[in-house]
Amino acid sequence: MNLSEIIAPLLDWYRKNARDLPWRRESTPYRVWVSEIMLQQSRVEAVKGYFTRFLAALPTPQALAAAPEEQLLKLWEGLGYYNRARNLRKAAKLLVEQYHGQLPGNYEALLSLPGVGHYTAGAVASIAFGLPEPAVDGNVLRVLSRLTADPSDIADPRTKAAAEDALRQILPVEDPGTFNQALMELGALVCVPNGLPLCDRCPLADLCQGHIQGIALDLPVKSSKKPRRLEQRTILVLVRDRLTAIRKRPQRGLLAGMWELPSLEGKCSSEQVVLAVRQWGLEPLRVEPLGPSKHIFTHVEWQMEGFRVLVEEPQSGAGLLWALPEQLREAYPLPSAFRFYLNPRKGID
């Protein structure tokens, strides 16, 4: 098919159906960049509130560059994939040092920033600067695969590169950003990833080879991922009066540098928990099971059991920091993996 035929009906559909999203109301380079980083691996509905709070606290690249890491990670708390936030700050420092605190209006320069790949560089370049650069994410790959009835594996980087090349040939130079957003929006709302594509609502159904040939449900083709590694962990909520123990994770690896509730490897009994807590120089007074929970990361799944352990007067040591409930809420960023055990009904507050 001739891809250029999709431009007019797609843009017309987008003007009538585009969602009202906070980052679309004012498409400055900084706002577009922050939103696109947040939207990586995160749902739109989840990002809305984070985006608004983040921009209120850190409204410019200069403010982001100067932000303490604890503040940055607290603003990001629960959104996951925390290296995204760290790379944002690294990139903001480069912007201050090399670009007078502004994002560069150049695709290659954008691509050189920490945490910015081809998709993000294309999105910022086209939406914020009006440059004719494609922005190919999973939604766009799915739409193109069905439109052209292409059986290529979308997990293969060559498939994405081919899609970028094809779109670069047809991007409307007068408004490439709107076209890119329209393709992404179609994939999010109509040509959906899970379940039946809503072909009866699609402005491109009459052009779509996947729909015409009756193979839309078989597309896109994607090679299977390796199964996640399962890890069993025992989470400890160590409390005394209103204080709860937290500690820092190592600077490398999963959840690097984040605060966490102390934990033990494996599924431990209450007796094993008592022994471990005593090795940390604390005396357990009461041990209560908090039940099971699980958290899924990209490559790892934690299967957790939790215990609330009332201890005698807290002591320093074992890398523990004792925090009040309001400090846990406001000062120390803890990953959402521990949210189940931070529930006030579990005895934290």
Protein backbone atom coordinates (compact mmCIF):
# COMPACT_ATOMS: atom_id res chain seq x y z
CA MET A 1 0.00 0.00 0.00
CA ASN A 2 0.98 3.66 -0.38
CA LEU A 3 1.47 4.87 3.19
CA SER A 4 0.97 8.51 2.21
CA GLU A 5 -2.74 7.70 1.78
CA ILE A 6 -3.16 7.47 5.57
CA ILE A 7 -2.15 11.08 6.27
CA ALA A 8 -5.42 12.93 5.61
CA PRO A 9 -7.88 10.50 7.26
CA LEU A 10 -5.56 9.95 10.22
CA LEU A 11 -5.09 13.65 10.95
CA ASP A 12 -8.81 14.30 10.56
CA TRP A 13 -9.58 11.51 13.04
CA TYR A 14 -6.98 12.79 15.51
CA ARG A 15 -8.34 16.33 15.52
CA LYS A 16 -11.73 14.95 16.51
CA ASN A 17 -10.64 12.23 18.94
CA ALA A 18 -7.34 13.23 20.58
CA ARG A 19 -7.36 12.91 24.35
CA ASP A 20 -6.93 16.01 26.49
CA LEU A 21 -3.61 15.24 28.19
CA PRO A 22 -1.63 17.65 30.41
CA TRP A 23 1.51 17.60 28.26
CA ARG A 24 -0.45 18.35 25.09
CA ARG A 25 -1.87 21.62 26.41
CA GLU A 26 1.48 23.34 26.07
CA SER A 27 4.04 21.49 23.95
CA THR A 28 7.24 23.14 25.15
CA PRO A 29 10.40 21.06 24.64
CA TYR A 30 10.85 20.47 28.38
CA ARG A 31 7.24 19.36 28.93
CA VAL A 32 7.31 17.05 25.91
CA TRP A 33 10.63 15.52 26.99
CA VAL A 34 9.55 14.88 30.59
CA SER A 35 6.24 13.39 29.49
CA GLU A 36 7.84 11.09 26.94
CA ILE A 37 10.34 9.76 29.48
CA MET A 38 7.54 9.17 31.99
CA LEU A 39 5.40 7.41 29.41
CA GLN A 40 8.10 4.83 28.72
CA GLN A 41 6.90 1.62 30.40
CA SER A 42 4.02 3.49 32.10
CA ARG A 43 0.31 3.90 31.40
CA VAL A 44 -1.05 7.29 30.37
CA GLU A 45 -3.55 7.40 33.24
CA ALA A 46 -0.80 6.70 35.77
CA VAL A 47 1.48 9.37 34.33
CA LYS A 48 -1.01 12.27 34.44
CA GLY A 49 -0.69 12.95 38.15
CA TYR A 50 3.07 12.36 38.23
CA PHE A 51 3.60 14.76 35.35
CA THR A 52 1.62 17.54 37.01
CA ARG A 53 3.42 17.15 40.35
CA PHE A 54 6.83 16.87 38.69
CA LEU A 55 6.37 20.03 36.63
CA ALA A 56 5.09 21.95 39.66
CA ALA A 57 8.18 21.00 41.68
CA LEU A 58 10.76 21.12 38.87
CA PRO A 59 9.39 23.46 36.17
CA THR A 60 12.63 23.95 34.19
CA PRO A 61 15.75 22.03 33.18
CA GLN A 62 17.70 24.23 35.59
CA ALA A 63 15.46 23.22 38.51
CA LEU A 64 15.74 19.56 37.52
CA ALA A 65 19.53 19.74 37.27
CA ALA A 66 19.76 21.25 40.76
CA ALA A 67 17.29 18.87 42.42
CA PRO A 68 18.65 16.57 45.16
CA GLU A 69 18.33 12.91 44.24
CA GLU A 70 16.04 12.22 47.20
CA GLN A 71 13.56 14.85 45.96
CA LEU A 72 13.76 13.56 42.41
CA LEU A 73 13.13 9.94 43.41
CA LYS A 74 10.33 10.93 45.79
CA LEU A 75 8.58 12.70 42.90
CA TRP A 76 9.06 9.53 40.86
CA GLU A 77 8.05 7.15 43.68
CA GLY A 78 5.71 4.43 42.43
CA LEU A 79 6.27 5.16 38.74
CA GLY A 80 9.04 2.57 38.54
CA TYR A 81 12.10 2.22 36.31
CA TYR A 82 13.95 4.78 38.41
CA ASN A 83 16.92 5.06 36.07
CA ARG A 84 14.60 7.11 33.87
CA ALA A 85 14.52 9.78 36.57
CA ARG A 86 18.26 9.65 37.13
CA ASN A 87 18.92 9.98 33.40
CA LEU A 88 16.55 12.94 33.25
CA ARG A 89 18.65 14.73 35.84
CA LYS A 90 21.93 13.78 34.13
CA ALA A 91 20.57 15.12 30.86
CA ALA A 92 19.32 18.31 32.55
CA LYS A 93 22.82 18.95 33.88
CA LEU A 94 24.17 18.62 30.33
CA LEU A 95 21.53 21.04 29.09
CA VAL A 96 22.62 23.60 31.68
CA GLU A 97 26.30 23.08 30.91
CA GLN A 98 26.17 22.87 27.12
CA TYR A 99 22.86 24.29 25.85
CA HIS A 100 22.09 27.26 28.16
CA GLY A 101 19.45 25.24 29.97
CA GLN A 102 17.38 24.50 26.86
CA LEU A 103 16.74 21.33 24.90
CA PRO A 104 18.49 21.47 21.52
CA GLY A 105 16.30 21.68 18.44
CA ASN A 106 18.38 19.07 16.66
CA TYR A 107 17.61 15.34 16.39
CA GLU A 108 21.21 14.14 16.73
CA ALA A 109 21.85 16.41 19.71
CA LEU A 110 18.68 15.14 21.41
CA LEU A 111 19.78 11.57 20.73
CA SER A 112 23.05 12.21 22.56
CA LEU A 113 21.30 13.00 25.86
CA PRO A 114 21.30 10.31 28.59
CA GLY A 115 18.14 8.20 28.48
CA VAL A 116 17.05 9.47 25.07
CA GLY A 117 16.68 6.90 22.30
CA HIS A 118 15.41 7.17 18.75
CA TYR A 119 11.76 7.25 19.76
CA THR A 120 12.11 9.98 22.39
CA ALA A 121 14.41 12.06 20.19
CA GLY A 122 11.88 11.78 17.35
CA ALA A 123 8.95 12.68 19.60
CA VAL A 124 10.64 15.79 21.05
CA ALA A 125 12.05 16.86 17.69
CA SER A 126 8.71 16.58 15.89
CA ILE A 127 6.24 17.67 18.59
CA ALA A 128 8.26 20.45 20.23
CA PHE A 129 10.38 21.67 17.30
CA GLY A 130 8.34 20.67 14.25
CA LEU A 131 11.18 18.66 12.72
CA PRO A 132 10.21 15.86 10.27
CA GLU A 133 11.50 12.99 12.39
CA PRO A 134 9.52 9.77 13.05
CA ALA A 135 8.65 8.61 16.55
CA VAL A 136 8.19 4.85 16.47
CA ASP A 137 7.03 3.17 19.66
CA GLY A 138 5.16 -0.09 20.24
CA ASN A 139 1.83 1.46 19.31
CA VAL A 140 3.18 2.74 16.01
CA LEU A 141 4.87 -0.56 15.18
CA ARG A 142 1.60 -2.40 15.77
CA VAL A 143 -0.38 0.02 13.58
CA LEU A 144 2.13 -0.17 10.74
CA SER A 145 2.37 -3.95 10.97
CA ARG A 146 -1.39 -4.27 10.53
CA LEU A 147 -1.68 -1.53 7.91
CA THR A 148 0.88 -3.17 5.67
CA ALA A 149 0.23 -6.81 6.71
CA ASP A 150 3.93 -7.04 7.56
CA PRO A 151 4.93 -10.31 9.26
CA SER A 152 8.33 -8.99 10.39
CA ASP A 153 9.20 -9.54 14.06
CA ILE A 154 8.67 -6.19 15.83
CA ALA A 155 11.15 -7.26 18.53
CA ASP A 156 13.86 -7.16 15.86
CA PRO A 157 15.58 -3.73 15.80
CA ARG A 158 15.71 -3.94 12.01
CA THR A 159 11.91 -3.88 11.88
CA LYS A 160 11.82 -0.66 13.87
CA ALA A 161 14.54 0.89 11.70
CA ALA A 162 12.56 -0.02 8.57
CA ALA A 163 9.43 1.56 10.05
CA GLU A 164 11.34 4.76 10.81
CA ASP A 165 12.64 4.89 7.25
CA ALA A 166 9.15 4.34 5.81
CA LEU A 167 7.57 7.06 7.95
CA ARG A 168 10.37 9.51 7.25
CA GLN A 169 9.38 9.34 3.58
CA ILE A 170 5.78 10.44 4.21
CA LEU A 171 5.93 12.72 7.27
CA PRO A 172 3.96 15.89 6.54
CA VAL A 173 6.59 18.60 6.90
CA GLU A 174 4.00 21.19 7.91
CA ASP A 175 3.05 19.28 11.08
CA PRO A 176 5.08 16.13 11.74
CA GLY A 177 4.42 16.23 15.48
CA THR A 178 0.66 15.99 15.08
CA PHE A 179 1.05 13.12 12.63
CA ASN A 180 3.32 11.21 15.03
CA GLN A 181 0.90 11.76 17.91
CA ALA A 182 -2.01 10.68 15.72
CA LEU A 183 -0.34 7.35 14.91
CA MET A 184 0.42 6.74 18.58
CA GLU A 185 -3.13 7.70 19.57
CA LEU A 186 -4.63 5.34 17.02
CA GLY A 187 -2.56 2.51 18.49
CA ALA A 188 -3.60 3.41 22.01
CA LEU A 189 -7.33 3.85 21.41
CA VAL A 190 -8.32 1.84 18.32
CA CYS A 191 -5.60 -0.50 17.03
CA VAL A 192 -5.15 -1.77 20.57
CA PRO A 193 -2.48 -4.18 21.86
CA ASN A 194 -4.69 -6.55 23.83
CA GLY A 195 -7.97 -7.91 22.58
CA LEU A 196 -9.73 -7.19 19.32
CA PRO A 197 -8.63 -4.17 17.29
CA LEU A 198 -11.61 -1.82 16.94
CA CYS A 199 -11.62 -1.88 13.15
CA ASP A 200 -15.18 -0.54 12.98
CA ARG A 201 -13.91 2.71 14.57
CA CYS A 202 -10.69 2.96 12.59
CA PRO A 203 -10.32 5.79 10.07
CA LEU A 204 -7.84 3.64 8.13
CA ALA A 205 -9.86 0.41 7.94
CA ASP A 206 -10.46 0.76 4.20
CA LEU A 207 -6.68 1.03 3.65
CA CYS A 208 -5.52 -1.53 6.19
CA GLN A 209 -4.18 -4.68 4.56
CA GLY A 210 -4.35 -6.62 7.81
CA HIS A 211 -8.06 -5.84 8.07
CA ILE A 212 -8.76 -6.42 4.38
CA GLN A 213 -6.95 -9.78 4.40
CA GLY A 214 -8.56 -10.81 7.69
CA ILE A 215 -5.23 -11.26 9.49
CA ALA A 216 -5.21 -8.21 11.78
CA LEU A 217 -5.45 -10.41 14.87
CA ASP A 218 -2.33 -12.31 13.80
CA LEU A 219 -0.30 -9.10 13.72
CA PRO A 220 2.08 -7.88 14.85
CA VAL A 221 4.48 -10.81 15.04
CA LYS A 222 6.67 -10.63 18.11
CA SER A 223 9.16 -13.19 19.37
CA SER A 224 8.51 -14.36 22.92
CA LYS A 225 10.47 -12.94 25.82
CA LYS A 226 12.53 -15.01 28.19
CA PRO A 227 10.47 -16.00 31.25
CA ARG A 228 10.93 -13.82 34.32
CA ARG A 229 13.20 -15.07 37.06
CA LEU A 230 11.28 -15.82 40.28
CA GLU A 231 12.77 -14.65 43.57
CA GLN A 232 11.34 -15.30 47.01
CA ARG A 233 11.89 -12.60 49.61
CA THR A 234 10.79 -12.00 53.18
CA ILE A 235 9.94 -8.35 53.89
CA LEU A 236 10.37 -7.06 57.44
CA VAL A 237 8.46 -4.12 58.86
CA LEU A 238 10.58 -3.35 61.93
CA VAL A 239 8.73 -0.93 64.23
CA ARG A 240 9.11 0.70 67.61
CA ASP A 241 6.60 3.33 68.74
CA ARG A 242 6.03 5.40 65.57
CA LEU A 243 9.37 4.60 63.96
CA THR A 244 9.87 2.18 61.06
CA ALA A 245 13.22 0.89 59.82
CA ILE A 246 14.33 1.45 56.24
CA ARG A 247 17.66 1.03 54.52
CA LYS A 248 19.39 1.91 51.26
CA ARG A 249 19.78 -0.63 48.49
CA PRO A 250 23.14 -1.03 46.75
CA GLN A 251 24.07 1.54 44.11
CA ARG A 252 24.03 -1.11 41.39
CA GLY A 253 21.40 -3.59 40.32
CA LEU A 254 17.64 -3.70 40.76
CA LEU A 255 16.20 -0.57 42.43
CA ALA A 256 19.73 0.80 42.76
CA GLY A 257 20.17 3.39 45.49
CA MET A 258 16.51 3.34 46.57
CA TRP A 259 15.27 3.11 50.14
CA GLU A 260 13.59 -0.17 51.05
CA LEU A 261 12.08 -2.10 53.90
CA PRO A 262 14.69 -4.57 55.16
CA SER A 263 14.32 -8.00 53.64
CA LEU A 264 15.76 -11.50 53.69
CA GLU A 265 16.33 -13.82 50.77
CA GLY A 266 13.96 -16.76 50.50
CA LYS A 267 10.72 -17.58 52.29
CA CYS A 268 11.55 -17.38 55.99
CA SER A 269 9.69 -18.66 59.03
CA SER A 270 8.99 -16.45 62.04
CA GLU A 271 11.81 -18.24 63.87
CA GLN A 272 14.26 -17.40 61.08
CA VAL A 273 13.05 -13.80 61.16
CA VAL A 274 13.75 -13.58 64.91
CA LEU A 275 17.29 -14.90 64.42
CA ALA A 276 18.00 -12.46 61.59
CA VAL A 277 16.69 -9.47 63.55
CA ARG A 278 18.84 -10.39 66.54
CA GLN A 279 21.87 -10.54 64.24
CA TRP A 280 21.14 -6.92 63.40
CA GLY A 281 21.47 -6.03 67.09
CA LEU A 282 17.74 -5.74 67.78
CA GLU A 283 15.54 -7.68 70.18
CA PRO A 284 12.16 -8.78 68.77
CA LEU A 285 9.22 -8.43 71.17
CA ARG A 286 6.46 -9.61 68.85
CA VAL A 287 6.37 -11.06 65.32
CA GLU A 288 3.17 -10.90 63.24
CA PRO A 289 2.74 -12.30 59.72
CA LEU A 290 1.50 -9.75 57.16
CA GLY A 291 0.70 -12.16 54.38
CA PRO A 292 1.93 -12.71 50.84
CA SER A 293 2.39 -10.21 48.04
CA LYS A 294 4.17 -10.11 44.70
CA HIS A 295 5.72 -7.49 42.46
CA ILE A 296 6.66 -7.87 38.81
CA PHE A 297 9.70 -6.14 37.37
CA THR A 298 10.78 -6.41 33.74
CA HIS A 299 12.91 -9.52 34.18
CA VAL A 300 12.22 -10.54 37.78
CA GLU A 301 9.17 -11.38 39.85
CA TRP A 302 9.37 -11.03 43.62
CA GLN A 303 7.19 -13.45 45.55
CA MET A 304 7.08 -11.99 49.03
CA GLU A 305 6.01 -12.83 52.55
CA GLY A 306 5.94 -10.09 55.16
CA PHE A 307 6.32 -9.85 58.94
CA ARG A 308 5.72 -6.94 61.26
CA VAL A 309 8.32 -7.09 64.02
CA LEU A 310 7.98 -4.98 67.15
CA VAL A 311 11.45 -4.42 68.61
CA GLU A 312 12.95 -2.89 71.70
CA GLU A 313 14.42 0.61 71.54
CA PRO A 314 15.83 1.07 68.03
CA GLN A 315 19.58 1.08 67.67
CA SER A 316 21.76 2.36 64.89
CA GLY A 317 23.62 -0.20 62.86
CA ALA A 318 22.90 -2.83 60.22
CA GLY A 319 22.49 0.05 57.79
CA LEU A 320 19.05 0.87 59.21
CA LEU A 321 17.47 4.31 59.38
CA TRP A 322 14.43 4.84 61.60
CA ALA A 323 11.76 7.09 60.12
CA LEU A 324 8.44 8.53 61.23
CA PRO A 325 5.33 7.86 59.09
CA GLU A 326 5.33 11.43 57.76
CA GLN A 327 8.98 11.05 56.74
CA LEU A 328 8.14 7.86 54.84
CA ARG A 329 5.37 9.73 53.04
CA GLU A 330 7.27 12.92 52.28
CA ALA A 331 11.03 12.45 52.42
CA TYR A 332 12.19 8.93 51.63
CA PRO A 333 11.32 7.40 48.24
CA LEU A 334 10.35 3.74 48.53
CA PRO A 335 9.53 1.60 45.48
CA SER A 336 5.96 0.44 44.96
CA ALA A 337 7.12 -3.16 45.50
CA PHE A 338 6.81 -2.44 49.23
CA ARG A 339 3.47 -0.63 49.05
CA PHE A 340 1.46 -3.61 50.30
CA TYR A 341 3.50 -3.69 53.49
CA LEU A 342 3.41 0.08 53.96
CA ASN A 343 -0.37 0.07 54.14
CA PRO A 344 -1.42 1.77 57.40
CA ARG A 345 -3.75 -1.14 58.12
CA LYS A 346 -0.64 -3.29 58.35
CA GLY A 347 0.47 -1.26 61.35
CA ILE A 348 2.85 1.34 59.89
CA ASP A 349 0.84 4.47 60.70
